[in-house]
Amino acid sequence: MVGSSQKISNSAPDPEQLEKLLTSQEGQALLRLLQADGGAGLQKAASALRRGDAEAAKAALSPLLAGTQGEALTKALEEKL
């Protein structure tokens, strides 16, 4: 489960800033981690977000982000924000 200390922002990130994050080493590692299940969790999260259900999106990503690698990557990216 995603650590409770992690910040979840409700505001949309700046597209330029988002591109920088996603192309960073940590961002690329996080994307690989999120695709570990063939992208199913990411697809569920995207679908939930389109419905406006942020909690379901978090639940879909939670198993993928659980563990030390996921937590370290999200923390590293948060520090870049």
PDB file of N, CA and C in Angstrom:
ATOM      1  N   MET A   1       0.840  -1.167   0.000  1.00  0.00           N
ATOM      2  CA  MET A   1       0.000   0.000   0.000  1.00  0.00           C
ATOM      3  C   MET A   1       0.883   1.227   0.000  1.00  0.00           C
ATOM      4  N   VAL A   2       0.429   2.275  -0.646  1.00  0.00           N
ATOM      5  CA  VAL A   2       1.173   3.515  -0.687  1.00  0.00           C
ATOM      6  C   VAL A   2       1.246   4.080   0.716  1.00  0.00           C
ATOM      7  N   GLY A   3       2.446   4.496   1.113  1.00  0.00           N
ATOM      8  CA  GLY A   3       2.652   5.013   2.461  1.00  0.00           C
ATOM      9  C   GLY A   3       1.808   6.231   2.739  1.00  0.00           C
ATOM     10  N   SER A   4       1.347   6.351   3.983  1.00  0.00           N
ATOM     11  CA  SER A   4       0.488   7.476   4.343  1.00  0.00           C
ATOM     12  C   SER A   4       1.244   8.786   4.361  1.00  0.00           C
ATOM     13  N   SER A   5       2.583   8.724   4.379  1.00  0.00           N
ATOM     14  CA  SER A   5       3.361   9.949   4.389  1.00  0.00           C
ATOM     15  C   SER A   5       3.465  10.562   2.998  1.00  0.00           C
ATOM     16  N   GLN A   6       3.059   9.829   1.979  1.00  0.00           N
ATOM     17  CA  GLN A   6       3.174  10.344   0.630  1.00  0.00           C
ATOM     18  C   GLN A   6       2.091  11.361   0.346  1.00  0.00           C
ATOM     19  N   LYS A   7       2.500  12.436  -0.335  1.00  0.00           N
ATOM     20  CA  LYS A   7       1.559  13.478  -0.702  1.00  0.00           C
ATOM     21  C   LYS A   7       0.837  13.080  -1.976  1.00  0.00           C
ATOM     22  N   ILE A   8      -0.447  13.290  -2.007  1.00  0.00           N
ATOM     23  CA  ILE A   8      -1.233  13.105  -3.210  1.00  0.00           C
ATOM     24  C   ILE A   8      -1.868  14.458  -3.500  1.00  0.00           C
ATOM     25  N   SER A   9      -1.489  15.033  -4.600  1.00  0.00           N
ATOM     26  CA  SER A   9      -1.985  16.354  -4.950  1.00  0.00           C
ATOM     27  C   SER A   9      -3.236  16.226  -5.807  1.00  0.00           C
ATOM     28  N   ASN A  10      -4.187  17.099  -5.557  1.00  0.00           N
ATOM     29  CA  ASN A  10      -5.408  17.120  -6.358  1.00  0.00           C
ATOM     30  C   ASN A  10      -5.277  18.067  -7.540  1.00  0.00           C
ATOM     31  N   SER A  11      -4.197  18.851  -7.588  1.00  0.00           N
ATOM     32  CA  SER A  11      -4.016  19.774  -8.693  1.00  0.00           C
ATOM     33  C   SER A  11      -3.234  19.094  -9.807  1.00  0.00           C
ATOM     34  N   ALA A  12      -3.555  19.466 -11.028  1.00  0.00           N
ATOM     35  CA  ALA A  12      -2.873  18.885 -12.185  1.00  0.00           C
ATOM     36  C   ALA A  12      -1.460  19.451 -12.271  1.00  0.00           C
ATOM     37  N   PRO A  13      -0.489  18.585 -12.515  1.00  0.00           N
ATOM     38  CA  PRO A  13       0.881  19.079 -12.637  1.00  0.00           C
ATOM     39  C   PRO A  13       1.076  19.853 -13.933  1.00  0.00           C
ATOM     40  N   ASP A  14       2.038  20.728 -13.942  1.00  0.00           N
ATOM     41  CA  ASP A  14       2.423  21.456 -15.130  1.00  0.00           C
ATOM     42  C   ASP A  14       2.903  20.433 -16.167  1.00  0.00           C
ATOM     43  N   PRO A  15       2.406  20.479 -17.411  1.00  0.00           N
ATOM     44  CA  PRO A  15       2.802  19.483 -18.407  1.00  0.00           C
ATOM     45  C   PRO A  15       4.319  19.393 -18.613  1.00  0.00           C
ATOM     46  N   GLU A  16       4.997  20.519 -18.583  1.00  0.00           N
ATOM     47  CA  GLU A  16       6.452  20.509 -18.752  1.00  0.00           C
ATOM     48  C   GLU A  16       7.124  19.799 -17.576  1.00  0.00           C
ATOM     49  N   GLN A  17       6.635  20.074 -16.372  1.00  0.00           N
ATOM     50  CA  GLN A  17       7.186  19.435 -15.173  1.00  0.00           C
ATOM     51  C   GLN A  17       6.903  17.925 -15.203  1.00  0.00           C
ATOM     52  N   LEU A  18       5.711  17.554 -15.625  1.00  0.00           N
ATOM     53  CA  LEU A  18       5.344  16.144 -15.724  1.00  0.00           C
ATOM     54  C   LEU A  18       6.239  15.421 -16.721  1.00  0.00           C
ATOM     55  N   GLU A  19       6.518  16.053 -17.859  1.00  0.00           N
ATOM     56  CA  GLU A  19       7.398  15.444 -18.849  1.00  0.00           C
ATOM     57  C   GLU A  19       8.801  15.235 -18.273  1.00  0.00           C
ATOM     58  N   LYS A  20       9.296  16.217 -17.530  1.00  0.00           N
ATOM     59  CA  LYS A  20      10.616  16.086 -16.898  1.00  0.00           C
ATOM     60  C   LYS A  20      10.634  14.909 -15.929  1.00  0.00           C
ATOM     61  N   LEU A  21       9.575  14.788 -15.130  1.00  0.00           N
ATOM     62  CA  LEU A  21       9.509  13.695 -14.166  1.00  0.00           C
ATOM     63  C   LEU A  21       9.455  12.344 -14.848  1.00  0.00           C
ATOM     64  N   LEU A  22       8.632  12.233 -15.870  1.00  0.00           N
ATOM     65  CA  LEU A  22       8.449  10.946 -16.539  1.00  0.00           C
ATOM     66  C   LEU A  22       9.655  10.527 -17.362  1.00  0.00           C
ATOM     67  N   THR A  23      10.455  11.485 -17.806  1.00  0.00           N
ATOM     68  CA  THR A  23      11.642  11.134 -18.578  1.00  0.00           C
ATOM     69  C   THR A  23      12.884  10.990 -17.700  1.00  0.00           C
ATOM     70  N   SER A  24      12.748  11.291 -16.418  1.00  0.00           N
ATOM     71  CA  SER A  24      13.876  11.120 -15.502  1.00  0.00           C
ATOM     72  C   SER A  24      14.124   9.625 -15.279  1.00  0.00           C
ATOM     73  N   GLN A  25      15.280   9.312 -14.735  1.00  0.00           N
ATOM     74  CA  GLN A  25      15.620   7.915 -14.443  1.00  0.00           C
ATOM     75  C   GLN A  25      14.585   7.294 -13.513  1.00  0.00           C
ATOM     76  N   GLU A  26      14.182   8.047 -12.473  1.00  0.00           N
ATOM     77  CA  GLU A  26      13.192   7.537 -11.527  1.00  0.00           C
ATOM     78  C   GLU A  26      11.830   7.368 -12.188  1.00  0.00           C
ATOM     79  N   GLY A  27      11.475   8.322 -13.047  1.00  0.00           N
ATOM     80  CA  GLY A  27      10.199   8.254 -13.743  1.00  0.00           C
ATOM     81  C   GLY A  27      10.113   7.041 -14.652  1.00  0.00           C
ATOM     82  N   GLN A  28      11.199   6.782 -15.369  1.00  0.00           N
ATOM     83  CA  GLN A  28      11.229   5.614 -16.253  1.00  0.00           C
ATOM     84  C   GLN A  28      11.143   4.316 -15.443  1.00  0.00           C
ATOM     85  N   ALA A  29      11.835   4.277 -14.314  1.00  0.00           N
ATOM     86  CA  ALA A  29      11.778   3.089 -13.450  1.00  0.00           C
ATOM     87  C   ALA A  29      10.366   2.896 -12.905  1.00  0.00           C
ATOM     88  N   LEU A  30       9.712   3.998 -12.538  1.00  0.00           N
ATOM     89  CA  LEU A  30       8.344   3.915 -12.021  1.00  0.00           C
ATOM     90  C   LEU A  30       7.392   3.420 -13.108  1.00  0.00           C
ATOM     91  N   LEU A  31       7.557   3.915 -14.319  1.00  0.00           N
ATOM     92  CA  LEU A  31       6.703   3.443 -15.416  1.00  0.00           C
ATOM     93  C   LEU A  31       6.888   1.952 -15.662  1.00  0.00           C
ATOM     94  N   ARG A  32       8.130   1.467 -15.602  1.00  0.00           N
ATOM     95  CA  ARG A  32       8.361   0.023 -15.761  1.00  0.00           C
ATOM     96  C   ARG A  32       7.673  -0.757 -14.640  1.00  0.00           C
ATOM     97  N   LEU A  33       7.756  -0.228 -13.430  1.00  0.00           N
ATOM     98  CA  LEU A  33       7.116  -0.880 -12.291  1.00  0.00           C
ATOM     99  C   LEU A  33       5.598  -0.930 -12.473  1.00  0.00           C
ATOM    100  N   LEU A  34       5.026   0.161 -12.950  1.00  0.00           N
ATOM    101  CA  LEU A  34       3.576   0.227 -13.148  1.00  0.00           C
ATOM    102  C   LEU A  34       3.103  -0.675 -14.288  1.00  0.00           C
ATOM    103  N   GLN A  35       4.003  -1.062 -15.163  1.00  0.00           N
ATOM    104  CA  GLN A  35       3.651  -1.935 -16.280  1.00  0.00           C
ATOM    105  C   GLN A  35       3.995  -3.391 -16.004  1.00  0.00           C
ATOM    106  N   ALA A  36       4.441  -3.672 -14.778  1.00  0.00           N
ATOM    107  CA  ALA A  36       4.860  -5.031 -14.421  1.00  0.00           C
ATOM    108  C   ALA A  36       3.731  -6.049 -14.568  1.00  0.00           C
ATOM    109  N   ASP A  37       2.514  -5.608 -14.429  1.00  0.00           N
ATOM    110  CA  ASP A  37       1.377  -6.522 -14.560  1.00  0.00           C
ATOM    111  C   ASP A  37       0.767  -6.452 -15.958  1.00  0.00           C
ATOM    112  N   GLY A  38       1.566  -6.013 -16.913  1.00  0.00           N
ATOM    113  CA  GLY A  38       1.076  -5.892 -18.285  1.00  0.00           C
ATOM    114  C   GLY A  38       0.263  -4.630 -18.501  1.00  0.00           C
ATOM    115  N   GLY A  39       0.274  -3.736 -17.543  1.00  0.00           N
ATOM    116  CA  GLY A  39      -0.452  -2.482 -17.653  1.00  0.00           C
ATOM    117  C   GLY A  39      -1.884  -2.541 -17.151  1.00  0.00           C
ATOM    118  N   ALA A  40      -2.300  -3.684 -16.613  1.00  0.00           N
ATOM    119  CA  ALA A  40      -3.692  -3.838 -16.172  1.00  0.00           C
ATOM    120  C   ALA A  40      -4.034  -2.864 -15.041  1.00  0.00           C
ATOM    121  N   GLY A  41      -3.155  -2.749 -14.060  1.00  0.00           N
ATOM    122  CA  GLY A  41      -3.413  -1.841 -12.939  1.00  0.00           C
ATOM    123  C   GLY A  41      -3.461  -0.396 -13.388  1.00  0.00           C
ATOM    124  N   LEU A  42      -2.571  -0.042 -14.305  1.00  0.00           N
ATOM    125  CA  LEU A  42      -2.536   1.318 -14.833  1.00  0.00           C
ATOM    126  C   LEU A  42      -3.812   1.609 -15.621  1.00  0.00           C
ATOM    127  N   GLN A  43      -4.287   0.638 -16.390  1.00  0.00           N
ATOM    128  CA  GLN A  43      -5.536   0.807 -17.138  1.00  0.00           C
ATOM    129  C   GLN A  43      -6.722   0.965 -16.189  1.00  0.00           C
ATOM    130  N   LYS A  44      -6.749   0.168 -15.110  1.00  0.00           N
ATOM    131  CA  LYS A  44      -7.834   0.290 -14.126  1.00  0.00           C
ATOM    132  C   LYS A  44      -7.812   1.664 -13.472  1.00  0.00           C
ATOM    133  N   ALA A  45      -6.606   2.139 -13.152  1.00  0.00           N
ATOM    134  CA  ALA A  45      -6.475   3.452 -12.515  1.00  0.00           C
ATOM    135  C   ALA A  45      -6.944   4.558 -13.461  1.00  0.00           C
ATOM    136  N   ALA A  46      -6.547   4.477 -14.723  1.00  0.00           N
ATOM    137  CA  ALA A  46      -6.961   5.484 -15.702  1.00  0.00           C
ATOM    138  C   ALA A  46      -8.474   5.484 -15.877  1.00  0.00           C
ATOM    139  N   SER A  47      -9.061   4.305 -15.930  1.00  0.00           N
ATOM    140  CA  SER A  47     -10.515   4.195 -16.062  1.00  0.00           C
ATOM    141  C   SER A  47     -11.219   4.802 -14.854  1.00  0.00           C
ATOM    142  N   ALA A  48     -10.685   4.515 -13.668  1.00  0.00           N
ATOM    143  CA  ALA A  48     -11.273   5.069 -12.443  1.00  0.00           C
ATOM    144  C   ALA A  48     -11.175   6.586 -12.434  1.00  0.00           C
ATOM    145  N   LEU A  49     -10.046   7.117 -12.872  1.00  0.00           N
ATOM    146  CA  LEU A  49      -9.885   8.574 -12.907  1.00  0.00           C
ATOM    147  C   LEU A  49     -10.842   9.223 -13.897  1.00  0.00           C
ATOM    148  N   ARG A  50     -11.075   8.555 -15.035  1.00  0.00           N
ATOM    149  CA  ARG A  50     -12.053   9.092 -16.004  1.00  0.00           C
ATOM    150  C   ARG A  50     -13.444   9.147 -15.396  1.00  0.00           C
ATOM    151  N   ARG A  51     -13.737   8.219 -14.487  1.00  0.00           N
ATOM    152  CA  ARG A  51     -15.037   8.217 -13.798  1.00  0.00           C
ATOM    153  C   ARG A  51     -15.046   9.192 -12.623  1.00  0.00           C
ATOM    154  N   GLY A  52     -13.895   9.751 -12.303  1.00  0.00           N
ATOM    155  CA  GLY A  52     -13.799  10.674 -11.175  1.00  0.00           C
ATOM    156  C   GLY A  52     -13.614   9.970  -9.842  1.00  0.00           C
ATOM    157  N   ASP A  53     -13.197   8.707  -9.864  1.00  0.00           N
ATOM    158  CA  ASP A  53     -13.050   7.918  -8.643  1.00  0.00           C
ATOM    159  C   ASP A  53     -11.568   7.785  -8.273  1.00  0.00           C
ATOM    160  N   ALA A  54     -11.043   8.783  -7.578  1.00  0.00           N
ATOM    161  CA  ALA A  54      -9.629   8.809  -7.202  1.00  0.00           C
ATOM    162  C   ALA A  54      -9.272   7.668  -6.256  1.00  0.00           C
ATOM    163  N   GLU A  55     -10.175   7.293  -5.370  1.00  0.00           N
ATOM    164  CA  GLU A  55      -9.889   6.206  -4.428  1.00  0.00           C
ATOM    165  C   GLU A  55      -9.715   4.871  -5.149  1.00  0.00           C
ATOM    166  N   ALA A  56     -10.537   4.620  -6.158  1.00  0.00           N
ATOM    167  CA  ALA A  56     -10.395   3.388  -6.933  1.00  0.00           C
ATOM    168  C   ALA A  56      -9.086   3.401  -7.721  1.00  0.00           C
ATOM    169  N   ALA A  57      -8.681   4.569  -8.205  1.00  0.00           N
ATOM    170  CA  ALA A  57      -7.405   4.684  -8.918  1.00  0.00           C
ATOM    171  C   ALA A  57      -6.246   4.366  -7.984  1.00  0.00           C
ATOM    172  N   LYS A  58      -6.285   4.907  -6.776  1.00  0.00           N
ATOM    173  CA  LYS A  58      -5.233   4.622  -5.784  1.00  0.00           C
ATOM    174  C   LYS A  58      -5.210   3.127  -5.461  1.00  0.00           C
ATOM    175  N   ALA A  59      -6.388   2.533  -5.326  1.00  0.00           N
ATOM    176  CA  ALA A  59      -6.464   1.106  -5.008  1.00  0.00           C
ATOM    177  C   ALA A  59      -5.891   0.254  -6.143  1.00  0.00           C
ATOM    178  N   ALA A  60      -6.096   0.670  -7.388  1.00  0.00           N
ATOM    179  CA  ALA A  60      -5.584  -0.080  -8.527  1.00  0.00           C
ATOM    180  C   ALA A  60      -4.062  -0.015  -8.602  1.00  0.00           C
ATOM    181  N   LEU A  61      -3.485   1.106  -8.205  1.00  0.00           N
ATOM    182  CA  LEU A  61      -2.034   1.274  -8.269  1.00  0.00           C
ATOM    183  C   LEU A  61      -1.319   0.786  -7.017  1.00  0.00           C
ATOM    184  N   SER A  62      -2.037   0.707  -5.933  1.00  0.00           N
ATOM    185  CA  SER A  62      -1.437   0.361  -4.647  1.00  0.00           C
ATOM    186  C   SER A  62      -0.609  -0.916  -4.670  1.00  0.00           C
ATOM    187  N   PRO A  63      -1.099  -2.020  -5.245  1.00  0.00           N
ATOM    188  CA  PRO A  63      -0.281  -3.242  -5.243  1.00  0.00           C
ATOM    189  C   PRO A  63       1.010  -3.084  -6.034  1.00  0.00           C
ATOM    190  N   LEU A  64       0.979  -2.269  -7.069  1.00  0.00           N
ATOM    191  CA  LEU A  64       2.162  -2.061  -7.892  1.00  0.00           C
ATOM    192  C   LEU A  64       3.197  -1.191  -7.193  1.00  0.00           C
ATOM    193  N   LEU A  65       2.729  -0.275  -6.369  1.00  0.00           N
ATOM    194  CA  LEU A  65       3.632   0.660  -5.700  1.00  0.00           C
ATOM    195  C   LEU A  65       4.065   0.191  -4.320  1.00  0.00           C
ATOM    196  N   ALA A  66       3.494  -0.908  -3.877  1.00  0.00           N
ATOM    197  CA  ALA A  66       3.848  -1.438  -2.562  1.00  0.00           C
ATOM    198  C   ALA A  66       5.283  -1.949  -2.588  1.00  0.00           C
ATOM    199  N   GLY A  67       5.909  -1.893  -1.471  1.00  0.00           N
ATOM    200  CA  GLY A  67       7.274  -2.394  -1.376  1.00  0.00           C
ATOM    201  C   GLY A  67       8.286  -1.271  -1.431  1.00  0.00           C
ATOM    202  N   THR A  68       9.502  -1.633  -1.144  1.00  0.00           N
ATOM    203  CA  THR A  68      10.547  -0.612  -1.012  1.00  0.00           C
ATOM    204  C   THR A  68      10.863   0.077  -2.328  1.00  0.00           C
ATOM    205  N   GLN A  69      10.844  -0.646  -3.432  1.00  0.00           N
ATOM    206  CA  GLN A  69      11.166  -0.013  -4.717  1.00  0.00           C
ATOM    207  C   GLN A  69      10.126   1.036  -5.099  1.00  0.00           C
ATOM    208  N   GLY A  70       8.858   0.692  -5.005  1.00  0.00           N
ATOM    209  CA  GLY A  70       7.792   1.633  -5.344  1.00  0.00           C
ATOM    210  C   GLY A  70       7.804   2.849  -4.440  1.00  0.00           C
ATOM    211  N   GLU A  71       7.990   2.615  -3.159  1.00  0.00           N
ATOM    212  CA  GLU A  71       8.013   3.731  -2.209  1.00  0.00           C
ATOM    213  C   GLU A  71       9.218   4.634  -2.447  1.00  0.00           C
ATOM    214  N   ALA A  72      10.371   4.047  -2.745  1.00  0.00           N
ATOM    215  CA  ALA A  72      11.575   4.842  -2.995  1.00  0.00           C
ATOM    216  C   ALA A  72      11.419   5.682  -4.258  1.00  0.00           C
ATOM    217  N   LEU A  73      10.836   5.093  -5.288  1.00  0.00           N
ATOM    218  CA  LEU A  73      10.656   5.837  -6.537  1.00  0.00           C
ATOM    219  C   LEU A  73       9.656   6.976  -6.380  1.00  0.00           C
ATOM    220  N   THR A  74       8.547   6.723  -5.722  1.00  0.00           N
ATOM    221  CA  THR A  74       7.564   7.795  -5.548  1.00  0.00           C
ATOM    222  C   THR A  74       8.129   8.899  -4.652  1.00  0.00           C
ATOM    223  N   LYS A  75       8.892   8.525  -3.645  1.00  0.00           N
ATOM    224  CA  LYS A  75       9.503   9.537  -2.780  1.00  0.00           C
ATOM    225  C   LYS A  75      10.501  10.389  -3.570  1.00  0.00           C
ATOM    226  N   ALA A  76      11.314   9.747  -4.383  1.00  0.00           N
ATOM    227  CA  ALA A  76      12.304  10.474  -5.179  1.00  0.00           C
ATOM    228  C   ALA A  76      11.619  11.441  -6.146  1.00  0.00           C
ATOM    229  N   LEU A  77      10.529  11.016  -6.743  1.00  0.00           N
ATOM    230  CA  LEU A  77       9.810  11.891  -7.674  1.00  0.00           C
ATOM    231  C   LEU A  77       9.113  13.033  -6.938  1.00  0.00           C
ATOM    232  N   GLU A  78       8.564  12.752  -5.772  1.00  0.00           N
ATOM    233  CA  GLU A  78       7.922  13.807  -4.978  1.00  0.00           C
ATOM    234  C   GLU A  78       8.922  14.890  -4.609  1.00  0.00           C
ATOM    235  N   GLU A  79      10.155  14.481  -4.307  1.00  0.00           N
ATOM    236  CA  GLU A  79      11.182  15.451  -3.944  1.00  0.00           C
ATOM    237  C   GLU A  79      11.555  16.347  -5.115  1.00  0.00           C
ATOM    238  N   LYS A  80      11.309  15.888  -6.326  1.00  0.00           N
ATOM    239  CA  LYS A  80      11.595  16.697  -7.511  1.00  0.00           C
ATOM    240  C   LYS A  80      10.488  17.689  -7.821  1.00  0.00           C
ATOM    241  N   LEU A  81       9.334  17.519  -7.205  1.00  0.00           N
ATOM    242  CA  LEU A  81       8.208  18.428  -7.468  1.00  0.00           C
ATOM    243  C   LEU A  81       8.438  19.790  -6.873  1.00  0.00           C
TER     244      LEU A  81
END
